[in-house]
Amino acid sequence: MTSRTFSTSWKRSIQPRRQRRYTSQAPLHLQQKAVHVHLASPLRAKYGFRNVQIRKGDKIKVLRGQHRKKEGKVERVDIKRAAIYVAGIDAIKKDGSKLLVKLNPSNLAIVEVDFTDARRKQKLESKHQPKSAAKPSAPAVKSNPKIETKVETIKVKTT
């Protein structure tokens, strides 16, 4: 392992090994961005965000994989491994015990957002403004007495 610091200005690479190395060695504040989950359509329209960081307590729906169409509440979020653990979605081991299944954030959609954190609620609601209020009517045109416009009407003869 080298003693070089992590480069945030990393240029992309098509080599999978370098992509894996970048994500595994990235600091947590950058790995945290990989744990963002898409919002369901009604929430996307309501809040104006496409995705938000998932938190414990959010209700999600699985979109892909073996557990597709299942919904549940987030039990745990592992930022380092980019893994989401959901209540009710578990695997049964050979000895009969249950184990929470690790889900990939890209295969999930948030159906209900947990607002126990006031700052999170404020952030989500601050961006969205109703569309009627977002676009003000045309600005009033002030007339200037010094500038006069002349409008000429042109009559066209038809035969």
N, C-alpha and C. Protein backbone atom coordinates (compact mmCIF):
# COMPACT_ATOMS: atom_id res chain seq x y z
N MET A 1 0.84 -1.18 0.00
CA MET A 1 0.00 0.00 0.00
C MET A 1 0.89 1.24 0.00
N THR A 2 0.60 2.15 -0.85
CA THR A 2 1.40 3.37 -0.92
C THR A 2 0.89 4.38 0.08
N SER A 3 1.69 5.37 0.35
CA SER A 3 1.31 6.40 1.31
C SER A 3 0.70 7.62 0.63
N ARG A 4 0.40 7.48 -0.66
CA ARG A 4 -0.21 8.60 -1.38
C ARG A 4 -1.62 8.85 -0.89
N THR A 5 -2.05 10.08 -0.97
CA THR A 5 -3.42 10.41 -0.56
C THR A 5 -4.38 10.06 -1.69
N PHE A 6 -5.63 9.96 -1.35
CA PHE A 6 -6.66 9.60 -2.31
C PHE A 6 -6.91 10.76 -3.26
N SER A 7 -7.00 10.48 -4.53
CA SER A 7 -7.21 11.51 -5.53
C SER A 7 -8.71 11.68 -5.81
N THR A 8 -9.23 12.86 -5.52
CA THR A 8 -10.64 13.12 -5.81
C THR A 8 -10.83 13.54 -7.26
N SER A 9 -9.73 13.88 -7.93
CA SER A 9 -9.82 14.27 -9.34
C SER A 9 -9.47 13.08 -10.22
N TRP A 10 -9.93 11.91 -9.83
CA TRP A 10 -9.63 10.68 -10.56
C TRP A 10 -10.26 10.72 -11.94
N LYS A 11 -9.47 10.39 -12.91
CA LYS A 11 -10.01 10.28 -14.27
C LYS A 11 -10.51 8.86 -14.45
N ARG A 12 -11.55 8.71 -15.21
CA ARG A 12 -12.17 7.39 -15.35
C ARG A 12 -11.25 6.39 -16.02
N SER A 13 -11.55 5.14 -15.75
CA SER A 13 -10.81 4.05 -16.36
C SER A 13 -11.80 2.99 -16.80
N ILE A 14 -11.48 2.30 -17.88
CA ILE A 14 -12.37 1.23 -18.34
C ILE A 14 -11.98 -0.11 -17.70
N GLN A 15 -10.87 -0.10 -16.97
CA GLN A 15 -10.42 -1.33 -16.34
C GLN A 15 -11.20 -1.59 -15.06
N PRO A 16 -11.90 -2.71 -14.96
CA PRO A 16 -12.68 -3.01 -13.77
C PRO A 16 -11.85 -3.03 -12.49
N ARG A 17 -10.60 -3.49 -12.58
CA ARG A 17 -9.78 -3.56 -11.37
C ARG A 17 -9.51 -2.17 -10.81
N ARG A 18 -9.33 -1.19 -11.68
CA ARG A 18 -9.09 0.18 -11.21
C ARG A 18 -10.37 0.80 -10.66
N GLN A 19 -11.50 0.48 -11.27
CA GLN A 19 -12.78 0.98 -10.76
C GLN A 19 -13.04 0.42 -9.37
N ARG A 20 -12.80 -0.89 -9.19
CA ARG A 20 -12.98 -1.51 -7.88
C ARG A 20 -12.02 -0.93 -6.85
N ARG A 21 -10.79 -0.70 -7.27
CA ARG A 21 -9.79 -0.14 -6.37
C ARG A 21 -10.18 1.26 -5.93
N TYR A 22 -10.68 2.06 -6.88
CA TYR A 22 -11.11 3.42 -6.55
C TYR A 22 -12.23 3.41 -5.52
N THR A 23 -13.23 2.58 -5.74
CA THR A 23 -14.37 2.56 -4.81
C THR A 23 -14.00 1.98 -3.46
N SER A 24 -13.10 0.99 -3.44
CA SER A 24 -12.73 0.39 -2.16
C SER A 24 -11.82 1.29 -1.34
N GLN A 25 -11.02 2.12 -1.99
CA GLN A 25 -10.08 2.99 -1.28
C GLN A 25 -10.61 4.40 -1.08
N ALA A 26 -11.79 4.69 -1.58
CA ALA A 26 -12.35 6.03 -1.45
C ALA A 26 -12.68 6.33 0.01
N PRO A 27 -12.55 7.59 0.43
CA PRO A 27 -12.94 7.94 1.79
C PRO A 27 -14.46 7.82 1.96
N LEU A 28 -14.91 7.70 3.20
CA LEU A 28 -16.33 7.45 3.47
C LEU A 28 -17.24 8.56 2.94
N HIS A 29 -16.77 9.81 2.93
CA HIS A 29 -17.64 10.88 2.45
C HIS A 29 -17.92 10.75 0.95
N LEU A 30 -17.05 10.05 0.22
CA LEU A 30 -17.33 9.78 -1.20
C LEU A 30 -18.08 8.46 -1.37
N GLN A 31 -17.79 7.47 -0.53
CA GLN A 31 -18.53 6.21 -0.60
C GLN A 31 -19.98 6.41 -0.20
N GLN A 32 -20.24 7.42 0.59
CA GLN A 32 -21.59 7.72 1.04
C GLN A 32 -22.50 8.05 -0.15
N LYS A 33 -21.93 8.61 -1.20
CA LYS A 33 -22.72 8.96 -2.38
C LYS A 33 -23.20 7.73 -3.12
N ALA A 34 -22.50 6.60 -2.92
CA ALA A 34 -22.90 5.36 -3.58
C ALA A 34 -24.10 4.72 -2.89
N VAL A 35 -24.51 5.25 -1.74
CA VAL A 35 -25.61 4.68 -0.98
C VAL A 35 -26.89 5.50 -1.19
N HIS A 36 -26.90 6.35 -2.19
CA HIS A 36 -28.12 7.09 -2.52
C HIS A 36 -29.07 6.16 -3.28
N VAL A 37 -30.37 6.31 -3.00
CA VAL A 37 -31.39 5.43 -3.58
C VAL A 37 -32.43 6.29 -4.27
N HIS A 38 -32.93 5.82 -5.38
CA HIS A 38 -33.96 6.55 -6.13
C HIS A 38 -35.24 6.68 -5.30
N LEU A 39 -35.93 7.78 -5.50
CA LEU A 39 -37.24 7.97 -4.89
C LEU A 39 -38.31 7.40 -5.82
N ALA A 40 -39.38 6.89 -5.25
CA ALA A 40 -40.51 6.42 -6.06
C ALA A 40 -41.13 7.64 -6.77
N SER A 41 -41.84 7.40 -7.85
CA SER A 41 -42.38 8.48 -8.69
C SER A 41 -43.18 9.54 -7.93
N PRO A 42 -44.12 9.15 -7.03
CA PRO A 42 -44.87 10.19 -6.32
C PRO A 42 -43.98 11.05 -5.43
N LEU A 43 -42.99 10.45 -4.80
CA LEU A 43 -42.09 11.22 -3.94
C LEU A 43 -41.16 12.10 -4.77
N ARG A 44 -40.78 11.62 -5.93
CA ARG A 44 -39.93 12.42 -6.82
C ARG A 44 -40.66 13.68 -7.26
N ALA A 45 -41.93 13.53 -7.58
CA ALA A 45 -42.72 14.69 -7.99
C ALA A 45 -42.98 15.63 -6.81
N LYS A 46 -43.16 15.05 -5.63
CA LYS A 46 -43.47 15.84 -4.43
C LYS A 46 -42.28 16.67 -3.95
N TYR A 47 -41.08 16.07 -3.93
CA TYR A 47 -39.93 16.75 -3.35
C TYR A 47 -38.96 17.34 -4.37
N GLY A 48 -39.03 16.92 -5.63
CA GLY A 48 -38.15 17.48 -6.64
C GLY A 48 -36.75 16.88 -6.65
N PHE A 49 -36.52 15.79 -5.94
CA PHE A 49 -35.24 15.09 -5.94
C PHE A 49 -35.38 13.78 -6.68
N ARG A 50 -34.34 13.34 -7.36
CA ARG A 50 -34.35 12.05 -8.03
C ARG A 50 -33.95 10.95 -7.06
N ASN A 51 -32.94 11.25 -6.23
CA ASN A 51 -32.48 10.27 -5.26
C ASN A 51 -32.04 10.96 -3.97
N VAL A 52 -32.06 10.23 -2.89
CA VAL A 52 -31.61 10.74 -1.60
C VAL A 52 -30.81 9.64 -0.91
N GLN A 53 -30.06 10.04 0.09
CA GLN A 53 -29.31 9.05 0.84
C GLN A 53 -30.28 8.25 1.70
N ILE A 54 -30.14 6.95 1.68
CA ILE A 54 -31.04 6.09 2.43
C ILE A 54 -30.62 6.08 3.89
N ARG A 55 -31.61 5.97 4.77
CA ARG A 55 -31.35 5.95 6.21
C ARG A 55 -32.18 4.87 6.86
N LYS A 56 -31.75 4.50 8.05
CA LYS A 56 -32.49 3.53 8.84
C LYS A 56 -33.87 4.11 9.11
N GLY A 57 -34.91 3.32 8.88
CA GLY A 57 -36.28 3.77 9.10
C GLY A 57 -37.04 4.06 7.83
N ASP A 58 -36.34 4.26 6.71
CA ASP A 58 -37.01 4.48 5.43
C ASP A 58 -37.70 3.19 4.99
N LYS A 59 -38.82 3.35 4.28
CA LYS A 59 -39.51 2.19 3.73
C LYS A 59 -39.12 2.09 2.26
N ILE A 60 -38.67 0.91 1.84
CA ILE A 60 -38.19 0.74 0.47
C ILE A 60 -38.95 -0.38 -0.23
N LYS A 61 -38.79 -0.37 -1.55
CA LYS A 61 -39.33 -1.44 -2.39
C LYS A 61 -38.17 -1.97 -3.23
N VAL A 62 -38.07 -3.28 -3.34
CA VAL A 62 -37.01 -3.91 -4.13
C VAL A 62 -37.48 -3.96 -5.59
N LEU A 63 -36.66 -3.46 -6.50
CA LEU A 63 -37.03 -3.40 -7.91
C LEU A 63 -36.43 -4.53 -8.74
N ARG A 64 -35.30 -5.09 -8.31
CA ARG A 64 -34.61 -6.10 -9.08
C ARG A 64 -34.19 -7.26 -8.18
N GLY A 65 -34.03 -8.41 -8.80
CA GLY A 65 -33.47 -9.55 -8.10
C GLY A 65 -34.50 -10.52 -7.58
N GLN A 66 -34.03 -11.42 -6.75
CA GLN A 66 -34.84 -12.51 -6.21
C GLN A 66 -35.99 -11.99 -5.34
N HIS A 67 -35.78 -10.87 -4.67
CA HIS A 67 -36.78 -10.34 -3.74
C HIS A 67 -37.59 -9.20 -4.35
N ARG A 68 -37.68 -9.17 -5.68
CA ARG A 68 -38.41 -8.12 -6.39
C ARG A 68 -39.85 -7.98 -5.88
N LYS A 69 -40.33 -6.76 -5.81
CA LYS A 69 -41.68 -6.37 -5.40
C LYS A 69 -41.91 -6.48 -3.90
N LYS A 70 -40.90 -6.84 -3.13
CA LYS A 70 -41.05 -6.88 -1.68
C LYS A 70 -40.77 -5.49 -1.10
N GLU A 71 -41.47 -5.18 -0.04
CA GLU A 71 -41.27 -3.91 0.64
C GLU A 71 -40.89 -4.17 2.08
N GLY A 72 -40.20 -3.22 2.67
CA GLY A 72 -39.81 -3.36 4.06
C GLY A 72 -39.13 -2.11 4.57
N LYS A 73 -38.87 -2.12 5.87
CA LYS A 73 -38.23 -1.00 6.53
C LYS A 73 -36.74 -1.27 6.65
N VAL A 74 -35.93 -0.25 6.41
CA VAL A 74 -34.48 -0.39 6.46
C VAL A 74 -34.05 -0.60 7.90
N GLU A 75 -33.32 -1.69 8.13
CA GLU A 75 -32.80 -2.01 9.47
C GLU A 75 -31.40 -1.45 9.67
N ARG A 76 -30.58 -1.55 8.62
CA ARG A 76 -29.19 -1.15 8.75
C ARG A 76 -28.65 -0.70 7.40
N VAL A 77 -27.75 0.29 7.42
CA VAL A 77 -27.08 0.77 6.21
C VAL A 77 -25.59 0.66 6.44
N ASP A 78 -24.90 -0.06 5.57
CA ASP A 78 -23.45 -0.22 5.67
C ASP A 78 -22.82 0.57 4.53
N ILE A 79 -22.28 1.75 4.86
CA ILE A 79 -21.73 2.62 3.83
C ILE A 79 -20.46 2.03 3.24
N LYS A 80 -19.62 1.44 4.07
CA LYS A 80 -18.34 0.90 3.60
C LYS A 80 -18.53 -0.19 2.55
N ARG A 81 -19.56 -1.01 2.71
CA ARG A 81 -19.80 -2.10 1.76
C ARG A 81 -20.94 -1.79 0.79
N ALA A 82 -21.52 -0.59 0.89
CA ALA A 82 -22.65 -0.17 0.06
C ALA A 82 -23.75 -1.22 0.12
N ALA A 83 -24.15 -1.58 1.34
CA ALA A 83 -25.14 -2.63 1.54
C ALA A 83 -26.30 -2.10 2.37
N ILE A 84 -27.52 -2.51 2.00
CA ILE A 84 -28.73 -2.13 2.71
C ILE A 84 -29.36 -3.40 3.24
N TYR A 85 -29.72 -3.41 4.52
CA TYR A 85 -30.37 -4.56 5.14
C TYR A 85 -31.79 -4.16 5.52
N VAL A 86 -32.77 -4.96 5.07
CA VAL A 86 -34.18 -4.61 5.22
C VAL A 86 -34.89 -5.68 6.04
N ALA A 87 -35.75 -5.22 6.95
CA ALA A 87 -36.53 -6.14 7.78
C ALA A 87 -37.50 -6.91 6.90
N GLY A 88 -37.61 -8.19 7.13
CA GLY A 88 -38.53 -9.03 6.37
C GLY A 88 -37.94 -9.64 5.13
N ILE A 89 -36.78 -9.18 4.72
CA ILE A 89 -36.11 -9.77 3.57
C ILE A 89 -34.88 -10.48 4.10
N ASP A 90 -35.02 -11.78 4.32
CA ASP A 90 -33.93 -12.54 4.91
C ASP A 90 -33.78 -13.90 4.24
N ALA A 91 -32.63 -14.51 4.48
CA ALA A 91 -32.34 -15.84 3.95
C ALA A 91 -32.33 -16.82 5.12
N ILE A 92 -32.75 -18.04 4.87
CA ILE A 92 -32.76 -19.06 5.91
C ILE A 92 -31.52 -19.93 5.73
N LYS A 93 -30.72 -20.02 6.79
CA LYS A 93 -29.51 -20.83 6.75
C LYS A 93 -29.87 -22.30 6.95
N LYS A 94 -28.90 -23.18 6.73
CA LYS A 94 -29.15 -24.62 6.85
C LYS A 94 -29.56 -25.03 8.26
N ASP A 95 -29.04 -24.30 9.26
CA ASP A 95 -29.40 -24.65 10.64
C ASP A 95 -30.76 -24.09 11.04
N GLY A 96 -31.44 -23.37 10.12
CA GLY A 96 -32.77 -22.84 10.39
C GLY A 96 -32.79 -21.39 10.84
N SER A 97 -31.65 -20.81 11.15
CA SER A 97 -31.62 -19.42 11.59
C SER A 97 -31.78 -18.48 10.38
N LYS A 98 -32.25 -17.28 10.66
CA LYS A 98 -32.46 -16.30 9.60
C LYS A 98 -31.34 -15.28 9.58
N LEU A 99 -31.03 -14.81 8.40
CA LEU A 99 -29.96 -13.86 8.19
C LEU A 99 -30.46 -12.78 7.24
N LEU A 100 -30.29 -11.49 7.62
CA LEU A 100 -30.72 -10.41 6.74
C LEU A 100 -29.91 -10.43 5.45
N VAL A 101 -30.60 -10.21 4.34
CA VAL A 101 -29.96 -10.23 3.02
C VAL A 101 -29.40 -8.86 2.71
N LYS A 102 -28.20 -8.82 2.16
CA LYS A 102 -27.56 -7.58 1.76
C LYS A 102 -28.13 -7.18 0.40
N LEU A 103 -28.66 -5.96 0.29
CA LEU A 103 -29.24 -5.48 -0.96
C LEU A 103 -28.40 -4.34 -1.52
N ASN A 104 -28.34 -4.27 -2.83
CA ASN A 104 -27.61 -3.21 -3.51
C ASN A 104 -28.51 -1.98 -3.64
N PRO A 105 -28.02 -0.78 -3.28
CA PRO A 105 -28.86 0.43 -3.35
C PRO A 105 -29.41 0.72 -4.74
N SER A 106 -28.73 0.29 -5.80
CA SER A 106 -29.21 0.57 -7.15
C SER A 106 -30.45 -0.24 -7.51
N ASN A 107 -30.76 -1.26 -6.72
CA ASN A 107 -31.92 -2.11 -7.00
C ASN A 107 -33.13 -1.75 -6.14
N LEU A 108 -33.08 -0.61 -5.46
CA LEU A 108 -34.13 -0.24 -4.52
C LEU A 108 -34.77 1.09 -4.92
N ALA A 109 -35.96 1.33 -4.38
CA ALA A 109 -36.62 2.62 -4.51
C ALA A 109 -37.25 2.96 -3.17
N ILE A 110 -37.09 4.20 -2.74
CA ILE A 110 -37.68 4.63 -1.48
C ILE A 110 -39.15 4.93 -1.70
N VAL A 111 -40.01 4.27 -0.90
CA VAL A 111 -41.45 4.45 -1.01
C VAL A 111 -41.95 5.44 0.03
N GLU A 112 -41.30 5.44 1.20
CA GLU A 112 -41.71 6.32 2.29
C GLU A 112 -40.45 6.80 3.01
N VAL A 113 -40.32 8.11 3.18
CA VAL A 113 -39.14 8.70 3.78
C VAL A 113 -39.36 8.87 5.28
N ASP A 114 -38.34 8.55 6.07
CA ASP A 114 -38.40 8.71 7.52
C ASP A 114 -37.95 10.13 7.87
N PHE A 115 -38.82 10.88 8.54
CA PHE A 115 -38.53 12.28 8.87
C PHE A 115 -38.28 12.50 10.35
N THR A 116 -37.65 11.54 11.04
CA THR A 116 -37.33 11.77 12.45
C THR A 116 -36.25 12.83 12.59
N ASP A 117 -35.45 13.03 11.54
CA ASP A 117 -34.43 14.07 11.53
C ASP A 117 -35.02 15.33 10.90
N ALA A 118 -35.08 16.41 11.67
CA ALA A 118 -35.68 17.66 11.19
C ALA A 118 -34.89 18.27 10.04
N ARG A 119 -33.56 18.13 10.09
CA ARG A 119 -32.74 18.70 9.02
C ARG A 119 -32.98 18.01 7.69
N ARG A 120 -33.21 16.71 7.73
CA ARG A 120 -33.49 15.97 6.50
C ARG A 120 -34.81 16.43 5.90
N LYS A 121 -35.81 16.61 6.73
CA LYS A 121 -37.12 17.07 6.26
C LYS A 121 -36.99 18.47 5.66
N GLN A 122 -36.24 19.33 6.32
CA GLN A 122 -36.06 20.69 5.84
C GLN A 122 -35.35 20.70 4.48
N LYS A 123 -34.35 19.84 4.33
CA LYS A 123 -33.61 19.78 3.07
C LYS A 123 -34.50 19.31 1.93
N LEU A 124 -35.29 18.26 2.18
CA LEU A 124 -36.15 17.74 1.12
C LEU A 124 -37.23 18.74 0.72
N GLU A 125 -37.80 19.41 1.70
CA GLU A 125 -38.91 20.32 1.39
C GLU A 125 -38.44 21.69 0.92
N SER A 126 -37.16 22.02 1.13
CA SER A 126 -36.68 23.34 0.73
C SER A 126 -36.50 23.44 -0.78
N LYS A 127 -36.14 22.35 -1.43
CA LYS A 127 -35.88 22.41 -2.86
C LYS A 127 -37.16 22.52 -3.67
N HIS A 128 -38.19 21.83 -3.21
CA HIS A 128 -39.40 21.77 -4.02
C HIS A 128 -40.30 22.97 -3.76
N GLN A 129 -40.73 23.59 -4.83
CA GLN A 129 -41.72 24.65 -4.77
C GLN A 129 -42.81 24.28 -5.76
N PRO A 130 -44.05 24.60 -5.45
CA PRO A 130 -45.12 24.29 -6.40
C PRO A 130 -44.83 24.92 -7.75
N LYS A 131 -45.22 24.24 -8.82
CA LYS A 131 -44.92 24.72 -10.17
C LYS A 131 -45.60 26.04 -10.47
N SER A 132 -46.75 26.30 -9.87
CA SER A 132 -47.43 27.57 -10.12
C SER A 132 -46.65 28.72 -9.50
N ALA A 133 -46.00 28.49 -8.36
CA ALA A 133 -45.23 29.54 -7.70
C ALA A 133 -43.83 29.64 -8.30
N ALA A 134 -43.34 28.57 -8.89
CA ALA A 134 -41.98 28.56 -9.42
C ALA A 134 -41.85 29.46 -10.65
N LYS A 135 -42.89 29.51 -11.48
CA LYS A 135 -42.85 30.34 -12.68
C LYS A 135 -43.74 31.57 -12.49
N PRO A 136 -43.16 32.72 -12.17
CA PRO A 136 -43.98 33.92 -12.00
C PRO A 136 -44.52 34.38 -13.36
N SER A 137 -45.57 35.15 -13.29
CA SER A 137 -46.16 35.65 -14.53
C SER A 137 -45.17 36.61 -15.19
N ALA A 138 -45.45 36.97 -16.43
CA ALA A 138 -44.55 37.85 -17.18
C ALA A 138 -44.39 39.18 -16.45
N PRO A 139 -43.18 39.71 -16.41
CA PRO A 139 -42.96 40.97 -15.71
C PRO A 139 -43.73 42.10 -16.38
N ALA A 140 -44.17 43.03 -15.56
CA ALA A 140 -44.93 44.16 -16.08
C ALA A 140 -43.99 45.06 -16.88
N VAL A 141 -44.46 45.49 -18.04
CA VAL A 141 -43.66 46.35 -18.90
C VAL A 141 -43.95 47.79 -18.53
N LYS A 142 -42.90 48.51 -18.19
CA LYS A 142 -43.07 49.92 -17.84
C LYS A 142 -42.96 50.74 -19.11
N SER A 143 -43.84 51.69 -19.21
CA SER A 143 -43.80 52.54 -20.41
C SER A 143 -42.86 53.71 -20.15
N ASN A 144 -42.07 54.01 -21.15
CA ASN A 144 -41.13 55.11 -21.06
C ASN A 144 -41.63 56.19 -22.01
N PRO A 145 -41.90 57.38 -21.51
CA PRO A 145 -42.45 58.43 -22.38
C PRO A 145 -41.47 58.89 -23.45
N LYS A 146 -40.17 58.73 -23.21
CA LYS A 146 -39.19 59.19 -24.18
C LYS A 146 -39.14 58.29 -25.42
N ILE A 147 -39.50 57.02 -25.21
CA ILE A 147 -39.45 56.07 -26.33
C ILE A 147 -40.86 55.80 -26.79
N GLU A 148 -41.11 56.14 -28.03
CA GLU A 148 -42.42 55.88 -28.59
C GLU A 148 -42.26 54.90 -29.74
N THR A 149 -43.16 53.98 -29.77
CA THR A 149 -43.12 53.01 -30.86
C THR A 149 -44.25 53.32 -31.83
N LYS A 150 -43.93 53.20 -33.08
CA LYS A 150 -44.93 53.44 -34.11
C LYS A 150 -45.30 52.10 -34.74
N VAL A 151 -46.56 51.86 -34.78
CA VAL A 151 -47.05 50.63 -35.37
C VAL A 151 -47.78 50.99 -36.65
N GLU A 152 -47.34 50.40 -37.74
CA GLU A 152 -47.99 50.65 -39.01
C GLU A 152 -48.76 49.41 -39.42
N THR A 153 -49.92 49.63 -39.94
CA THR A 153 -50.68 48.52 -40.44
C THR A 153 -50.52 48.46 -41.95
N ILE A 154 -50.37 47.29 -42.42
CA ILE A 154 -50.17 47.09 -43.85
C ILE A 154 -51.40 46.38 -44.40
N LYS A 155 -51.97 46.96 -45.42
CA LYS A 155 -53.13 46.36 -46.04
C LYS A 155 -52.67 45.61 -47.29
N VAL A 156 -53.12 44.40 -47.37
CA VAL A 156 -52.77 43.57 -48.52
C VAL A 156 -53.99 43.47 -49.43
N LYS A 157 -53.74 43.73 -50.71
CA LYS A 157 -54.84 43.62 -51.66
C LYS A 157 -54.92 42.16 -52.13
N THR A 158 -56.12 41.67 -52.15
CA THR A 158 -56.34 40.33 -52.66
C THR A 158 -57.15 40.41 -53.94
N THR A 159 -56.81 39.63 -54.90
CA THR A 159 -57.54 39.69 -56.17
C THR A 159 -58.39 38.48 -56.39
